[in-house]
Amino acid sequence: MHLKVVVDPDALNMKFFDREMFYSLLVLFLITWRTEAETCQSLSDCAQSAKCCKNSYGDVLPPREGSQEPLEITGQCSYRLGREYEQCYPKYCECAPGLECYRPISGVCCIPYQCHNATWVREDREYWDTCFRDPHCPLPP
């Protein structure tokens, strides 16, 4: 999809300040629209400025590796930082300040990464570092 915008601010009788503000808002809108409108099937399809690919449910579509079959699922590239408990993916779909992209240790294989409170993440990592050094520490079922 392409968008062509033709604007003549002189025809709108804008003052200098209004004209600068108008162009600034127009540029901001176009950058946001272009970034948000880009469709993707995995993180690797997105540009550096919007390297997170999420489907309509907010699930992260991870990077494709190797020669996998094309995915039927599509999403949109986004630059928005994840909020607490939203899905994330390290180095691609980052979290807002104070949060960290983390996959807690559990008895279930491969739960998705989520944005968690950075203090809690540090404490959880310390707990498991200590636990792994103790042969009597029970692992999750």
N, C-alpha and C. Protein backbone atom coordinates (compact mmCIF):
# COMPACT_ATOMS: atom_id res chain seq x y z
N MET A 1 0.84 -1.17 0.00
CA MET A 1 0.00 0.00 0.00
C MET A 1 0.89 1.24 0.00
N HIS A 2 0.56 2.19 -0.84
CA HIS A 2 1.32 3.43 -0.91
C HIS A 2 0.40 4.59 -0.59
N LEU A 3 0.98 5.60 0.00
CA LEU A 3 0.22 6.80 0.35
C LEU A 3 0.95 7.99 -0.25
N LYS A 4 0.23 8.77 -1.04
CA LYS A 4 0.81 9.96 -1.63
C LYS A 4 0.06 11.16 -1.08
N VAL A 5 0.79 12.06 -0.46
CA VAL A 5 0.19 13.25 0.14
C VAL A 5 0.73 14.48 -0.57
N VAL A 6 -0.17 15.29 -1.09
CA VAL A 6 0.20 16.54 -1.74
C VAL A 6 -0.49 17.66 -0.97
N VAL A 7 0.31 18.55 -0.41
CA VAL A 7 -0.23 19.62 0.42
C VAL A 7 0.42 20.93 0.02
N ASP A 8 -0.39 21.97 -0.10
CA ASP A 8 0.12 23.30 -0.36
C ASP A 8 -0.24 24.17 0.83
N PRO A 9 0.70 24.33 1.80
CA PRO A 9 0.37 25.11 3.00
C PRO A 9 0.08 26.57 2.69
N ASP A 10 0.61 27.11 1.57
CA ASP A 10 0.33 28.51 1.22
C ASP A 10 -1.15 28.69 0.89
N ALA A 11 -1.75 27.66 0.32
CA ALA A 11 -3.18 27.75 -0.01
C ALA A 11 -4.03 27.75 1.26
N LEU A 12 -3.47 27.30 2.36
CA LEU A 12 -4.21 27.26 3.62
C LEU A 12 -4.00 28.53 4.45
N ASN A 13 -3.24 29.51 3.92
CA ASN A 13 -2.94 30.77 4.62
C ASN A 13 -2.38 30.54 6.03
N MET A 14 -1.40 29.67 6.12
CA MET A 14 -0.80 29.36 7.42
C MET A 14 0.29 30.35 7.77
N LYS A 15 0.42 30.64 9.05
CA LYS A 15 1.52 31.44 9.54
C LYS A 15 2.76 30.56 9.56
N PHE A 16 3.94 31.18 9.70
CA PHE A 16 5.20 30.43 9.70
C PHE A 16 5.21 29.35 10.77
N PHE A 17 4.83 29.71 12.00
CA PHE A 17 4.83 28.73 13.10
C PHE A 17 3.86 27.59 12.81
N ASP A 18 2.67 27.94 12.32
CA ASP A 18 1.68 26.92 12.00
C ASP A 18 2.18 25.99 10.90
N ARG A 19 2.89 26.56 9.93
CA ARG A 19 3.42 25.77 8.83
C ARG A 19 4.47 24.77 9.34
N GLU A 20 5.37 25.24 10.23
CA GLU A 20 6.37 24.33 10.80
C GLU A 20 5.71 23.22 11.60
N MET A 21 4.73 23.58 12.40
CA MET A 21 4.01 22.59 13.21
C MET A 21 3.30 21.60 12.30
N PHE A 22 2.68 22.11 11.24
CA PHE A 22 1.97 21.26 10.30
C PHE A 22 2.91 20.23 9.68
N TYR A 23 4.07 20.69 9.19
CA TYR A 23 5.02 19.76 8.58
C TYR A 23 5.56 18.77 9.60
N SER A 24 5.82 19.21 10.81
CA SER A 24 6.31 18.30 11.85
C SER A 24 5.29 17.20 12.13
N LEU A 25 4.03 17.59 12.27
CA LEU A 25 2.99 16.60 12.53
C LEU A 25 2.79 15.67 11.34
N LEU A 26 2.89 16.21 10.14
CA LEU A 26 2.74 15.40 8.95
C LEU A 26 3.85 14.35 8.87
N VAL A 27 5.08 14.76 9.11
CA VAL A 27 6.21 13.82 9.08
C VAL A 27 6.03 12.76 10.16
N LEU A 28 5.66 13.17 11.35
CA LEU A 28 5.45 12.22 12.44
C LEU A 28 4.35 11.22 12.08
N PHE A 29 3.27 11.70 11.51
CA PHE A 29 2.18 10.82 11.10
C PHE A 29 2.65 9.82 10.05
N LEU A 30 3.37 10.29 9.05
CA LEU A 30 3.81 9.39 7.98
C LEU A 30 4.78 8.34 8.49
N ILE A 31 5.68 8.72 9.38
CA ILE A 31 6.62 7.74 9.95
C ILE A 31 5.85 6.70 10.75
N THR A 32 4.94 7.16 11.59
CA THR A 32 4.15 6.23 12.41
C THR A 32 3.30 5.34 11.53
N TRP A 33 2.63 5.92 10.54
CA TRP A 33 1.77 5.13 9.66
C TRP A 33 2.58 4.09 8.91
N ARG A 34 3.72 4.48 8.37
CA ARG A 34 4.54 3.56 7.59
C ARG A 34 5.05 2.42 8.45
N THR A 35 5.49 2.73 9.65
CA THR A 35 6.03 1.72 10.54
C THR A 35 4.93 0.76 10.99
N GLU A 36 3.80 1.30 11.40
CA GLU A 36 2.73 0.46 11.92
C GLU A 36 2.03 -0.34 10.82
N ALA A 37 2.05 0.15 9.59
CA ALA A 37 1.31 -0.51 8.53
C ALA A 37 2.07 -1.65 7.88
N GLU A 38 3.35 -1.81 8.18
CA GLU A 38 4.16 -2.83 7.53
C GLU A 38 3.77 -4.22 8.03
N THR A 39 3.37 -5.09 7.12
CA THR A 39 3.00 -6.45 7.52
C THR A 39 4.23 -7.34 7.57
N CYS A 40 4.13 -8.41 8.36
CA CYS A 40 5.26 -9.31 8.56
C CYS A 40 4.76 -10.71 8.88
N GLN A 41 5.64 -11.69 8.69
CA GLN A 41 5.36 -13.05 9.10
C GLN A 41 6.30 -13.49 10.22
N SER A 42 7.35 -12.72 10.45
CA SER A 42 8.28 -13.00 11.55
C SER A 42 9.05 -11.73 11.87
N LEU A 43 9.76 -11.76 12.98
CA LEU A 43 10.55 -10.60 13.40
C LEU A 43 11.57 -10.19 12.34
N SER A 44 12.10 -11.16 11.61
CA SER A 44 13.13 -10.85 10.62
C SER A 44 12.59 -10.07 9.42
N ASP A 45 11.28 -9.96 9.28
CA ASP A 45 10.69 -9.20 8.17
C ASP A 45 10.63 -7.70 8.45
N CYS A 46 10.84 -7.30 9.71
CA CYS A 46 10.65 -5.90 10.10
C CYS A 46 11.96 -5.11 10.04
N ALA A 47 11.82 -3.82 9.77
CA ALA A 47 12.98 -2.92 9.71
C ALA A 47 13.52 -2.68 11.11
N GLN A 48 14.73 -2.14 11.20
CA GLN A 48 15.37 -1.87 12.49
C GLN A 48 14.54 -0.94 13.36
N SER A 49 13.85 0.02 12.76
CA SER A 49 13.09 0.99 13.55
C SER A 49 11.83 0.39 14.15
N ALA A 50 11.36 -0.71 13.58
CA ALA A 50 10.14 -1.36 14.08
C ALA A 50 10.34 -2.86 13.99
N LYS A 51 11.25 -3.38 14.77
CA LYS A 51 11.68 -4.76 14.59
C LYS A 51 10.84 -5.80 15.30
N CYS A 52 9.70 -5.41 15.84
CA CYS A 52 8.82 -6.34 16.54
C CYS A 52 7.63 -6.69 15.64
N CYS A 53 7.36 -7.97 15.46
CA CYS A 53 6.25 -8.43 14.63
C CYS A 53 5.24 -9.13 15.54
N LYS A 54 4.02 -8.58 15.61
CA LYS A 54 2.98 -9.17 16.46
C LYS A 54 1.71 -9.40 15.64
N ASN A 55 1.02 -10.51 15.96
CA ASN A 55 -0.25 -10.77 15.29
C ASN A 55 -1.36 -9.95 15.94
N SER A 56 -2.58 -10.12 15.48
CA SER A 56 -3.69 -9.30 15.97
C SER A 56 -4.04 -9.59 17.43
N TYR A 57 -3.56 -10.71 17.98
CA TYR A 57 -3.79 -11.04 19.39
C TYR A 57 -2.69 -10.51 20.30
N GLY A 58 -1.65 -9.91 19.71
CA GLY A 58 -0.53 -9.39 20.50
C GLY A 58 0.58 -10.40 20.70
N ASP A 59 0.46 -11.58 20.07
CA ASP A 59 1.51 -12.60 20.18
C ASP A 59 2.68 -12.24 19.28
N VAL A 60 3.89 -12.42 19.79
CA VAL A 60 5.09 -12.15 19.01
C VAL A 60 5.28 -13.27 17.99
N LEU A 61 5.56 -12.90 16.76
CA LEU A 61 5.90 -13.87 15.73
C LEU A 61 7.42 -13.93 15.67
N PRO A 62 8.03 -15.02 16.18
CA PRO A 62 9.49 -15.08 16.32
C PRO A 62 10.21 -15.10 14.98
N PRO A 63 11.54 -14.90 15.00
CA PRO A 63 12.29 -14.92 13.74
C PRO A 63 12.27 -16.32 13.13
N ARG A 64 12.22 -16.36 11.81
CA ARG A 64 12.31 -17.65 11.11
C ARG A 64 13.77 -18.03 11.03
N GLU A 65 14.02 -19.28 11.25
CA GLU A 65 15.40 -19.76 11.18
C GLU A 65 15.47 -20.91 10.19
N GLY A 66 16.53 -20.94 9.41
CA GLY A 66 16.71 -22.02 8.45
C GLY A 66 15.74 -21.90 7.30
N SER A 67 15.40 -23.04 6.73
CA SER A 67 14.51 -23.05 5.56
C SER A 67 13.12 -23.55 5.95
N GLN A 68 12.51 -22.85 6.88
CA GLN A 68 11.16 -23.22 7.29
C GLN A 68 10.17 -22.84 6.21
N GLU A 69 9.06 -23.57 6.20
CA GLU A 69 7.98 -23.25 5.28
C GLU A 69 7.43 -21.86 5.60
N PRO A 70 6.96 -21.12 4.62
CA PRO A 70 6.37 -19.81 4.90
C PRO A 70 5.19 -19.95 5.87
N LEU A 71 5.07 -19.02 6.77
CA LEU A 71 3.99 -19.04 7.74
C LEU A 71 2.71 -18.48 7.12
N GLU A 72 1.59 -19.04 7.50
CA GLU A 72 0.30 -18.54 7.04
C GLU A 72 -0.13 -17.33 7.87
N ILE A 73 0.45 -17.18 9.07
CA ILE A 73 0.07 -16.12 9.99
C ILE A 73 0.82 -14.84 9.63
N THR A 74 0.13 -13.73 9.66
CA THR A 74 0.79 -12.44 9.45
C THR A 74 0.50 -11.52 10.62
N GLY A 75 1.36 -10.54 10.76
CA GLY A 75 1.20 -9.55 11.81
C GLY A 75 1.60 -8.20 11.28
N GLN A 76 1.83 -7.27 12.20
CA GLN A 76 2.29 -5.94 11.82
C GLN A 76 3.55 -5.61 12.59
N CYS A 77 4.48 -4.96 11.90
CA CYS A 77 5.71 -4.50 12.54
C CYS A 77 5.36 -3.35 13.48
N SER A 78 6.03 -3.31 14.62
CA SER A 78 5.74 -2.28 15.60
C SER A 78 7.02 -1.84 16.29
N TYR A 79 7.05 -0.58 16.66
CA TYR A 79 8.18 -0.05 17.42
C TYR A 79 7.80 0.13 18.89
N ARG A 80 6.54 -0.10 19.25
CA ARG A 80 6.06 0.14 20.61
C ARG A 80 6.71 -0.82 21.60
N LEU A 81 7.15 -0.28 22.73
CA LEU A 81 7.75 -1.10 23.78
C LEU A 81 6.65 -1.83 24.55
N GLY A 82 6.94 -3.09 24.92
CA GLY A 82 5.96 -3.91 25.61
C GLY A 82 5.67 -3.43 27.02
N ARG A 83 4.43 -3.62 27.43
CA ARG A 83 4.01 -3.32 28.81
C ARG A 83 4.10 -4.59 29.63
N GLU A 84 3.92 -4.44 30.96
CA GLU A 84 4.07 -5.58 31.86
C GLU A 84 3.13 -6.73 31.45
N TYR A 85 3.69 -7.92 31.40
CA TYR A 85 3.04 -9.19 31.06
C TYR A 85 2.71 -9.34 29.58
N GLU A 86 3.04 -8.37 28.76
CA GLU A 86 2.87 -8.55 27.31
C GLU A 86 4.02 -9.40 26.79
N GLN A 87 3.76 -10.08 25.67
CA GLN A 87 4.81 -10.88 25.06
C GLN A 87 5.91 -9.99 24.52
N CYS A 88 7.13 -10.52 24.56
CA CYS A 88 8.30 -9.81 24.03
C CYS A 88 9.23 -10.86 23.44
N TYR A 89 10.33 -10.42 22.88
CA TYR A 89 11.35 -11.33 22.36
C TYR A 89 12.68 -10.60 22.45
N PRO A 90 13.68 -11.19 23.14
CA PRO A 90 14.95 -10.49 23.37
C PRO A 90 15.55 -9.93 22.08
N LYS A 91 16.02 -8.70 22.16
CA LYS A 91 16.70 -7.97 21.08
C LYS A 91 15.78 -7.57 19.93
N TYR A 92 14.54 -7.95 19.97
CA TYR A 92 13.60 -7.57 18.92
C TYR A 92 12.43 -6.79 19.51
N CYS A 93 11.59 -7.47 20.25
CA CYS A 93 10.41 -6.86 20.87
C CYS A 93 10.76 -6.51 22.30
N GLU A 94 11.25 -5.31 22.50
CA GLU A 94 11.76 -4.91 23.81
C GLU A 94 10.64 -4.40 24.70
N CYS A 95 10.96 -4.31 25.99
CA CYS A 95 9.99 -3.88 27.00
C CYS A 95 10.23 -2.42 27.39
N ALA A 96 9.22 -1.83 27.97
CA ALA A 96 9.30 -0.45 28.46
C ALA A 96 10.31 -0.35 29.60
N PRO A 97 10.80 0.85 29.90
CA PRO A 97 11.75 1.03 31.00
C PRO A 97 11.20 0.46 32.31
N GLY A 98 12.09 -0.19 33.07
CA GLY A 98 11.70 -0.80 34.34
C GLY A 98 11.23 -2.23 34.19
N LEU A 99 11.09 -2.67 32.93
CA LEU A 99 10.67 -4.04 32.65
C LEU A 99 11.79 -4.76 31.90
N GLU A 100 11.76 -6.07 31.97
CA GLU A 100 12.77 -6.87 31.27
C GLU A 100 12.09 -8.04 30.58
N CYS A 101 12.56 -8.34 29.38
CA CYS A 101 12.02 -9.46 28.62
C CYS A 101 12.60 -10.74 29.22
N TYR A 102 11.75 -11.61 29.73
CA TYR A 102 12.21 -12.76 30.52
C TYR A 102 11.25 -13.93 30.35
N ARG A 103 11.85 -15.14 30.33
CA ARG A 103 11.07 -16.37 30.30
C ARG A 103 11.36 -17.11 31.60
N PRO A 104 10.43 -17.10 32.55
CA PRO A 104 10.68 -17.77 33.83
C PRO A 104 10.86 -19.27 33.66
N ILE A 105 11.62 -19.85 34.55
CA ILE A 105 11.81 -21.30 34.56
C ILE A 105 10.52 -21.93 35.06
N SER A 106 10.06 -22.93 34.34
CA SER A 106 8.85 -23.64 34.75
C SER A 106 8.95 -25.08 34.28
N GLY A 107 8.01 -25.89 34.68
CA GLY A 107 7.99 -27.27 34.25
C GLY A 107 7.40 -27.44 32.86
N VAL A 108 6.93 -26.36 32.27
CA VAL A 108 6.33 -26.39 30.94
C VAL A 108 7.37 -25.92 29.93
N CYS A 109 7.49 -26.64 28.84
CA CYS A 109 8.47 -26.27 27.82
C CYS A 109 8.04 -25.03 27.06
N CYS A 110 8.97 -24.17 26.95
CA CYS A 110 8.92 -23.10 25.96
C CYS A 110 7.77 -22.11 26.12
N ILE A 111 7.50 -21.68 27.33
CA ILE A 111 6.50 -20.62 27.49
C ILE A 111 7.06 -19.35 26.84
N PRO A 112 6.20 -18.47 26.36
CA PRO A 112 6.72 -17.28 25.67
C PRO A 112 7.40 -16.31 26.63
N TYR A 113 8.31 -15.53 26.08
CA TYR A 113 8.93 -14.45 26.84
C TYR A 113 7.84 -13.42 27.14
N GLN A 114 7.94 -12.78 28.31
CA GLN A 114 7.02 -11.70 28.67
C GLN A 114 7.80 -10.58 29.33
N CYS A 115 7.22 -9.39 29.31
CA CYS A 115 7.80 -8.25 30.01
C CYS A 115 7.45 -8.36 31.50
N HIS A 116 8.48 -8.42 32.33
CA HIS A 116 8.29 -8.53 33.78
C HIS A 116 9.05 -7.40 34.46
N ASN A 117 8.63 -7.09 35.68
CA ASN A 117 9.31 -6.10 36.50
C ASN A 117 10.78 -6.49 36.62
N ALA A 118 11.70 -5.57 36.33
CA ALA A 118 13.13 -5.87 36.30
C ALA A 118 13.65 -6.33 37.66
N THR A 119 13.12 -5.79 38.75
CA THR A 119 13.55 -6.21 40.09
C THR A 119 13.14 -7.66 40.33
N TRP A 120 11.93 -8.01 39.96
CA TRP A 120 11.47 -9.39 40.11
C TRP A 120 12.33 -10.34 39.28
N VAL A 121 12.68 -9.94 38.06
CA VAL A 121 13.51 -10.77 37.19
C VAL A 121 14.86 -11.02 37.85
N ARG A 122 15.47 -9.97 38.39
CA ARG A 122 16.77 -10.13 39.06
C ARG A 122 16.66 -11.12 40.23
N GLU A 123 15.61 -10.98 41.04
CA GLU A 123 15.41 -11.88 42.18
C GLU A 123 15.17 -13.31 41.72
N ASP A 124 14.38 -13.49 40.66
CA ASP A 124 14.11 -14.84 40.15
C ASP A 124 15.37 -15.49 39.61
N ARG A 125 16.19 -14.72 38.89
CA ARG A 125 17.46 -15.26 38.38
C ARG A 125 18.39 -15.66 39.53
N GLU A 126 18.46 -14.81 40.56
CA GLU A 126 19.30 -15.14 41.72
C GLU A 126 18.82 -16.42 42.39
N TYR A 127 17.51 -16.57 42.53
CA TYR A 127 16.95 -17.78 43.14
C TYR A 127 17.38 -19.01 42.36
N TRP A 128 17.21 -18.98 41.04
CA TRP A 128 17.53 -20.16 40.24
C TRP A 128 19.03 -20.39 40.14
N ASP A 129 19.84 -19.35 40.13
CA ASP A 129 21.30 -19.53 40.17
C ASP A 129 21.70 -20.29 41.43
N THR A 130 21.12 -19.91 42.56
CA THR A 130 21.41 -20.59 43.82
C THR A 130 20.86 -22.02 43.79
N CYS A 131 19.67 -22.18 43.30
CA CYS A 131 19.02 -23.49 43.25
C CYS A 131 19.82 -24.48 42.41
N PHE A 132 20.32 -24.04 41.26
CA PHE A 132 21.06 -24.95 40.38
C PHE A 132 22.37 -25.42 41.01
N ARG A 133 22.89 -24.67 41.97
CA ARG A 133 24.12 -25.09 42.66
C ARG A 133 23.82 -26.06 43.81
N ASP A 134 22.56 -26.17 44.19
CA ASP A 134 22.15 -27.05 45.29
C ASP A 134 21.51 -28.31 44.72
N PRO A 135 22.13 -29.49 44.91
CA PRO A 135 21.57 -30.72 44.34
C PRO A 135 20.22 -31.12 44.95
N HIS A 136 19.85 -30.54 46.09
CA HIS A 136 18.59 -30.88 46.75
C HIS A 136 17.46 -29.90 46.43
N CYS A 137 17.75 -28.89 45.66
CA CYS A 137 16.73 -27.90 45.31
C CYS A 137 15.74 -28.53 44.32
N PRO A 138 14.45 -28.49 44.64
CA PRO A 138 13.47 -29.10 43.72
C PRO A 138 13.24 -28.23 42.48
N LEU A 139 13.29 -28.86 41.35
CA LEU A 139 13.00 -28.16 40.10
C LEU A 139 11.49 -28.16 39.87
N PRO A 140 11.00 -27.26 39.07
CA PRO A 140 9.54 -27.22 38.82
C PRO A 140 9.07 -28.53 38.18
N PRO A 141 7.83 -28.93 38.48
CA PRO A 141 7.31 -30.19 37.89
C PRO A 141 7.09 -30.06 36.39
